[in-house]
Amino acid sequence: MRDALSDALVSMASRNPRFVLLTGDHGYALFDVFRAKFPDQFINAGVAEQNMIGMAAGLARRGFKPCVYGLAAFIPVRTLEQIKLDVAHEGLPVIFLGDGAGLVYSHLGSSHQSTEDIACLRAIPSIEILSPADRHEMTACMAYAESSEAPVYIRIGKADLGDIHAGPLPSLSVGNLVLIHEGREDHAAIIATGAMVKSALEIGQALHLSVWSAPFLKPLSQADVISAAQGSRGLIVLEEHSVLGGLGAAVAEVTSTHCPLRILRIGVEDRFSLGCGDYGYLLSEHGIDKASVLEKVRGFCGLVSE
């Protein structure tokens, strides 16, 4: 997925000489090709992320297309005020790339883990939030962000989990869910996003559940959520993010108004990580590893079948 991101950035710079990539002293290997080909379109703003957002806003006002890269703990969480006032309030077409979202930077502790970025941004007007699950969704999300006139945040989780889709996707329709596995109509269905789509697909195939990938988190198509809900006995929402304010909350907001039904929201509960370890350990600690999710899904499917 990181190669797809690098390729997309290089393509965008080759098409548009006013495309500018800014980084807060991160992503050196990721940007090797970009820096070699477009040194004049690359800015290392240093460890000064708030200032970097101001730079991006100024560049956008002068007709440039800025893309700001950082760890998700910093872009957008550390820079939330600047994103809100300098970019979103002005409706400037800045692309934000938040890498290592969720629990990816597990060994570095809560300061570098980002399980609240979606919730922080969902309440800010005008900004769009995307969350690709594999390289094909990443390419499609970057193409969408390039064409958008609104500020866009792309949430990048664990990047080496393999493909979800068999090949490249057509252009994304704003807010749409993508059906990746069709299960039985009398069963529950799963909506997942980002790094959790891989587990969702494997569980859905094993239990004959329909599985939807959500590359868009905001806006989120009400029609697609309603369609997924009405075609199932219940919904399971899976995300590597807090259960407060994320995709599960967005789905529940739609269904509570239009088609009330049972929803199981699986994500990080309202707490920080207690221990320190690798990525697999943190998933297990928070109960969102595949084995824990499968147990929760089995229990939920038993409830909705009664």
Protein backbone atom coordinates (compact mmCIF):
# COMPACT_ATOMS: atom_id res chain seq x y z
CA MET A 1 0.00 0.00 0.00
CA ARG A 2 2.91 2.36 0.68
CA ASP A 3 4.25 1.70 -2.83
CA ALA A 4 0.82 2.64 -4.21
CA LEU A 5 0.97 5.86 -2.18
CA SER A 6 4.45 6.68 -3.45
CA ASP A 7 3.41 6.00 -7.04
CA ALA A 8 0.32 8.18 -6.67
CA LEU A 9 2.33 11.08 -5.27
CA VAL A 10 4.84 10.89 -8.13
CA SER A 11 2.03 10.75 -10.70
CA MET A 12 0.28 13.74 -9.16
CA ALA A 13 3.49 15.80 -9.19
CA SER A 14 4.21 14.85 -12.81
CA ARG A 15 0.74 15.99 -13.90
CA ASN A 16 0.66 19.17 -11.85
CA PRO A 17 3.77 21.33 -11.32
CA ARG A 18 1.86 23.15 -8.56
CA PHE A 19 1.48 19.97 -6.52
CA VAL A 20 3.63 20.27 -3.37
CA LEU A 21 4.42 17.56 -0.81
CA LEU A 22 5.16 18.68 2.75
CA THR A 23 6.42 16.45 5.55
CA GLY A 24 7.12 17.01 9.22
CA ASP A 25 10.53 15.24 9.13
CA HIS A 26 8.99 11.82 8.38
CA GLY A 27 8.76 9.38 5.47
CA TYR A 28 12.25 9.58 4.02
CA ALA A 29 12.37 6.14 2.33
CA LEU A 30 8.76 6.56 1.22
CA PHE A 31 9.65 9.78 -0.60
CA ASP A 32 13.00 8.74 -2.17
CA VAL A 33 11.63 8.61 -5.71
CA PHE A 34 9.55 11.77 -5.25
CA ARG A 35 12.49 13.79 -3.92
CA ALA A 36 14.76 12.60 -6.73
CA LYS A 37 12.28 13.50 -9.47
CA PHE A 38 10.66 16.62 -7.98
CA PRO A 39 13.03 18.27 -5.51
CA ASP A 40 11.40 21.66 -6.04
CA GLN A 41 7.97 20.24 -5.09
CA PHE A 42 9.11 18.77 -1.78
CA ILE A 43 9.28 20.65 1.54
CA ASN A 44 10.57 19.21 4.81
CA ALA A 45 8.99 21.54 7.34
CA GLY A 46 10.79 19.88 10.25
CA VAL A 47 9.31 19.00 13.61
CA ALA A 48 6.90 21.93 13.46
CA GLU A 49 3.64 20.38 12.38
CA GLN A 50 1.36 23.29 13.29
CA ASN A 51 3.49 25.64 11.21
CA MET A 52 3.42 23.12 8.37
CA ILE A 53 -0.39 23.30 8.24
CA GLY A 54 -0.15 27.08 8.00
CA MET A 55 2.34 26.72 5.15
CA ALA A 56 -0.01 24.36 3.34
CA ALA A 57 -2.92 26.77 3.79
CA GLY A 58 -0.88 29.61 2.36
CA LEU A 59 0.23 27.52 -0.60
CA ALA A 60 -3.37 26.51 -1.31
CA ARG A 61 -4.44 30.16 -1.27
CA ARG A 62 -1.81 30.86 -3.94
CA GLY A 63 -3.14 28.14 -6.24
CA PHE A 64 -0.94 25.23 -5.24
CA LYS A 65 -2.21 21.74 -4.39
CA PRO A 66 -0.50 20.90 -1.08
CA CYS A 67 -0.30 17.39 0.36
CA VAL A 68 0.75 17.18 4.01
CA TYR A 69 2.24 13.95 5.37
CA GLY A 70 2.79 12.93 8.98
CA LEU A 71 2.05 10.28 11.54
CA ALA A 72 -1.67 10.14 12.34
CA ALA A 73 -0.90 11.06 15.95
CA PHE A 74 0.38 14.40 14.61
CA ILE A 75 -1.59 14.82 11.36
CA PRO A 76 -4.39 15.42 12.31
CA VAL A 77 -4.39 15.08 16.12
CA ARG A 78 -1.55 17.45 17.08
CA THR A 79 -2.58 19.95 14.41
CA LEU A 80 -6.34 19.87 14.86
CA GLU A 81 -6.78 23.60 15.53
CA GLN A 82 -4.76 24.58 12.45
CA ILE A 83 -6.64 22.10 10.25
CA LYS A 84 -9.94 23.46 11.55
CA LEU A 85 -9.23 27.18 11.23
CA ASP A 86 -6.52 27.55 8.58
CA VAL A 87 -7.81 24.92 6.13
CA ALA A 88 -11.33 23.63 6.76
CA HIS A 89 -12.86 26.98 7.73
CA GLU A 90 -11.50 28.43 4.48
CA GLY A 91 -12.45 25.40 2.40
CA LEU A 92 -8.95 24.98 1.01
CA PRO A 93 -8.14 21.87 -1.09
CA VAL A 94 -5.34 20.45 1.08
CA ILE A 95 -4.68 16.70 1.25
CA PHE A 96 -3.68 15.33 4.66
CA LEU A 97 -1.98 11.93 4.93
CA GLY A 98 -2.05 10.40 8.41
CA ASP A 99 0.28 7.37 8.40
CA GLY A 100 0.44 4.66 11.06
CA ALA A 101 -3.15 5.23 12.16
CA GLY A 102 -4.62 3.05 14.88
CA LEU A 103 -2.15 0.88 16.79
CA VAL A 104 0.56 0.57 14.14
CA TYR A 105 3.23 2.41 16.16
CA SER A 106 2.62 0.01 19.00
CA HIS A 107 6.06 0.05 20.65
CA LEU A 108 6.06 3.85 20.88
CA GLY A 109 3.10 3.98 23.25
CA SER A 110 0.00 6.15 23.40
CA SER A 111 1.82 9.27 22.22
CA HIS A 112 2.22 7.70 18.77
CA GLN A 113 -0.91 5.55 18.61
CA SER A 114 -3.88 7.24 16.99
CA THR A 115 -7.29 5.80 17.77
CA GLU A 116 -9.18 9.09 17.89
CA ASP A 117 -8.33 10.80 14.59
CA ILE A 118 -11.62 9.99 12.85
CA ALA A 119 -13.65 11.23 15.82
CA CYS A 120 -11.61 14.45 15.99
CA LEU A 121 -12.21 15.29 12.33
CA ARG A 122 -15.80 14.09 11.85
CA ALA A 123 -17.18 17.12 13.72
CA ILE A 124 -15.17 19.63 11.66
CA PRO A 125 -17.26 20.97 8.76
CA SER A 126 -16.23 20.54 5.11
CA ILE A 127 -13.40 18.03 5.58
CA GLU A 128 -13.66 14.62 3.91
CA ILE A 129 -12.23 11.46 5.53
CA LEU A 130 -11.00 8.42 3.58
CA SER A 131 -9.61 5.12 4.87
CA PRO A 132 -8.18 2.73 2.25
CA ALA A 133 -7.96 -1.00 2.97
CA ASP A 134 -5.37 -2.03 0.37
CA ARG A 135 -3.22 -0.69 -2.47
CA HIS A 136 -6.15 -0.57 -4.89
CA GLU A 137 -8.26 1.50 -2.50
CA MET A 138 -5.21 3.69 -1.79
CA THR A 139 -4.79 4.46 -5.50
CA ALA A 140 -8.51 5.24 -5.83
CA CYS A 141 -8.50 7.40 -2.68
CA MET A 142 -5.51 9.41 -3.90
CA ALA A 143 -7.17 9.94 -7.28
CA TYR A 144 -10.29 11.19 -5.52
CA ALA A 145 -8.28 13.50 -3.24
CA GLU A 146 -6.42 14.94 -6.22
CA SER A 147 -9.69 15.96 -7.87
CA SER A 148 -11.47 17.17 -4.72
CA GLU A 149 -11.90 20.89 -4.09
CA ALA A 150 -12.42 20.22 -0.37
CA PRO A 151 -9.84 19.37 2.30
CA VAL A 152 -9.31 15.59 2.43
CA TYR A 153 -7.81 13.42 5.17
CA ILE A 154 -6.56 9.95 4.16
CA ARG A 155 -6.11 7.60 7.10
CA ILE A 156 -3.36 5.03 6.51
CA GLY A 157 -3.31 2.04 8.83
CA LYS A 158 -1.25 -1.15 8.71
CA ALA A 159 0.09 -1.16 5.17
CA ASP A 160 1.35 -4.71 4.52
CA LEU A 161 -1.74 -6.87 5.04
CA GLY A 162 -2.23 -7.84 1.39
CA ASP A 163 -4.90 -7.13 -1.20
CA ILE A 164 -8.63 -7.06 -0.59
CA HIS A 165 -9.59 -6.42 -4.20
CA ALA A 166 -8.59 -8.55 -7.17
CA GLY A 167 -7.52 -5.55 -9.21
CA PRO A 168 -7.75 -1.78 -9.62
CA LEU A 169 -11.00 -0.11 -8.64
CA PRO A 170 -13.01 2.25 -10.82
CA SER A 171 -13.21 5.81 -9.58
CA LEU A 172 -14.78 6.04 -6.14
CA SER A 173 -18.28 7.39 -5.79
CA VAL A 174 -18.48 9.85 -2.92
CA GLY A 175 -19.45 8.17 0.33
CA ASN A 176 -20.13 4.74 -1.12
CA LEU A 177 -19.53 1.40 0.56
CA VAL A 178 -17.88 -1.31 -1.55
CA LEU A 179 -19.35 -4.83 -1.36
CA ILE A 180 -16.42 -7.27 -1.23
CA HIS A 181 -18.23 -10.46 -0.21
CA GLU A 182 -21.88 -11.39 -0.58
CA GLY A 183 -23.25 -13.57 2.19
CA ARG A 184 -26.66 -14.95 3.05
CA GLU A 185 -29.58 -12.55 3.36
CA ASP A 186 -30.79 -14.07 6.65
CA HIS A 187 -27.40 -13.44 8.30
CA ALA A 188 -25.73 -10.38 9.78
CA ALA A 189 -23.42 -8.21 7.65
CA ILE A 190 -20.06 -6.57 8.36
CA ILE A 191 -18.97 -3.04 7.50
CA ALA A 192 -15.23 -2.52 8.04
CA THR A 193 -12.62 0.05 7.17
CA GLY A 194 -8.87 0.28 6.73
CA ALA A 195 -6.68 -2.42 8.25
CA MET A 196 -9.70 -4.25 9.71
CA VAL A 197 -11.19 -5.11 6.31
CA LYS A 198 -8.82 -8.08 5.89
CA SER A 199 -10.08 -9.75 9.09
CA ALA A 200 -13.66 -8.82 8.23
CA LEU A 201 -13.38 -10.51 4.83
CA GLU A 202 -11.92 -13.73 6.27
CA ILE A 203 -14.58 -13.88 8.99
CA GLY A 204 -17.36 -13.06 6.52
CA GLN A 205 -16.27 -15.84 4.19
CA ALA A 206 -16.14 -18.34 7.07
CA LEU A 207 -19.56 -17.39 8.49
CA HIS A 208 -21.37 -16.56 5.21
CA LEU A 209 -21.77 -12.87 6.10
CA SER A 210 -21.85 -10.04 3.59
CA VAL A 211 -18.83 -7.76 3.97
CA TRP A 212 -18.61 -4.11 2.96
CA SER A 213 -15.45 -2.03 2.84
CA ALA A 214 -15.82 1.65 3.78
CA PRO A 215 -13.12 3.69 2.02
CA PHE A 216 -15.22 6.79 2.78
CA LEU A 217 -15.86 7.66 6.41
CA LYS A 218 -17.11 11.19 5.75
CA PRO A 219 -19.28 11.66 3.85
CA LEU A 220 -20.83 8.23 4.33
CA SER A 221 -23.64 7.25 2.00
CA GLN A 222 -26.87 6.94 3.97
CA ALA A 223 -28.37 4.95 1.10
CA ASP A 224 -25.57 2.39 1.20
CA VAL A 225 -25.78 2.00 4.98
CA ILE A 226 -29.56 1.58 4.77
CA SER A 227 -29.15 -0.97 1.97
CA ALA A 228 -26.63 -2.98 4.01
CA ALA A 229 -28.89 -2.81 7.07
CA GLN A 230 -32.12 -3.76 5.30
CA GLY A 231 -30.45 -6.73 3.61
CA SER A 232 -29.23 -8.26 6.88
CA ARG A 233 -30.33 -9.43 10.33
CA GLY A 234 -27.90 -7.05 12.03
CA LEU A 235 -24.74 -5.04 11.38
CA ILE A 236 -21.22 -5.52 12.71
CA VAL A 237 -18.90 -2.53 12.33
CA LEU A 238 -15.18 -3.19 12.63
CA GLU A 239 -12.51 -0.49 12.90
CA GLU A 240 -9.04 0.05 14.38
CA HIS A 241 -10.25 3.19 16.11
CA SER A 242 -12.15 4.12 19.23
CA VAL A 243 -15.74 2.90 19.33
CA LEU A 244 -16.57 6.53 20.21
CA GLY A 245 -17.04 8.80 17.22
CA GLY A 246 -15.73 6.53 14.48
CA LEU A 247 -17.29 4.47 11.70
CA GLY A 248 -19.48 2.49 14.12
CA ALA A 249 -20.91 5.71 15.50
CA ALA A 250 -21.54 7.05 11.98
CA VAL A 251 -23.38 3.85 10.98
CA ALA A 252 -25.45 3.90 14.19
CA GLU A 253 -26.43 7.52 13.54
CA VAL A 254 -27.87 6.51 10.16
CA THR A 255 -29.64 3.34 11.25
CA SER A 256 -31.15 4.86 14.40
CA THR A 257 -33.05 7.31 12.20
CA HIS A 258 -33.85 5.26 9.12
CA CYS A 259 -33.78 1.53 9.92
CA PRO A 260 -33.19 0.63 13.57
CA LEU A 261 -31.58 -2.77 14.10
CA ARG A 262 -28.97 -4.45 16.27
CA ILE A 263 -25.43 -3.14 15.74
CA LEU A 264 -22.23 -4.57 17.19
CA ARG A 265 -19.47 -1.96 17.19
CA ILE A 266 -16.02 -3.54 17.46
CA GLY A 267 -13.08 -1.23 18.01
CA VAL A 268 -10.89 0.20 20.75
CA GLU A 269 -12.82 0.77 23.96
CA ASP A 270 -12.69 4.04 25.91
CA ARG A 271 -9.16 3.62 27.27
CA PHE A 272 -5.48 3.94 26.45
CA SER A 273 -3.21 0.95 25.83
CA LEU A 274 -2.10 -0.64 29.10
CA GLY A 275 1.00 -2.45 27.87
CA CYS A 276 3.73 -2.08 25.28
CA GLY A 277 4.47 -4.63 22.58
CA ASP A 278 4.26 -5.32 18.89
CA TYR A 279 1.26 -4.67 16.66
CA GLY A 280 -0.21 -8.13 17.18
CA TYR A 281 0.02 -7.76 20.94
CA LEU A 282 -1.81 -4.42 20.89
CA LEU A 283 -4.60 -5.81 18.70
CA SER A 284 -5.01 -8.65 21.18
CA GLU A 285 -4.91 -6.35 24.22
CA HIS A 286 -7.74 -4.28 22.76
CA GLY A 287 -9.73 -7.31 21.62
CA ILE A 288 -9.58 -6.54 17.90
CA ASP A 289 -7.29 -9.34 16.76
CA LYS A 290 -8.93 -11.82 14.40
CA ALA A 291 -9.56 -14.50 17.06
CA SER A 292 -11.21 -12.03 19.46
CA VAL A 293 -13.30 -10.47 16.69
CA LEU A 294 -14.44 -13.89 15.49
CA GLU A 295 -15.64 -14.78 18.99
CA LYS A 296 -17.57 -11.50 19.29
CA VAL A 297 -19.11 -11.92 15.84
CA ARG A 298 -20.19 -15.50 16.57
CA GLY A 299 -21.89 -14.35 19.77
CA PHE A 300 -23.64 -11.49 18.00
CA CYS A 301 -24.82 -13.72 15.15
CA GLY A 302 -26.38 -16.04 17.71
CA LEU A 303 -28.28 -13.12 19.22
CA VAL A 304 -29.66 -11.79 15.94
CA SER A 305 -30.70 -15.27 14.82
CA GLU A 306 -32.99 -15.77 17.82
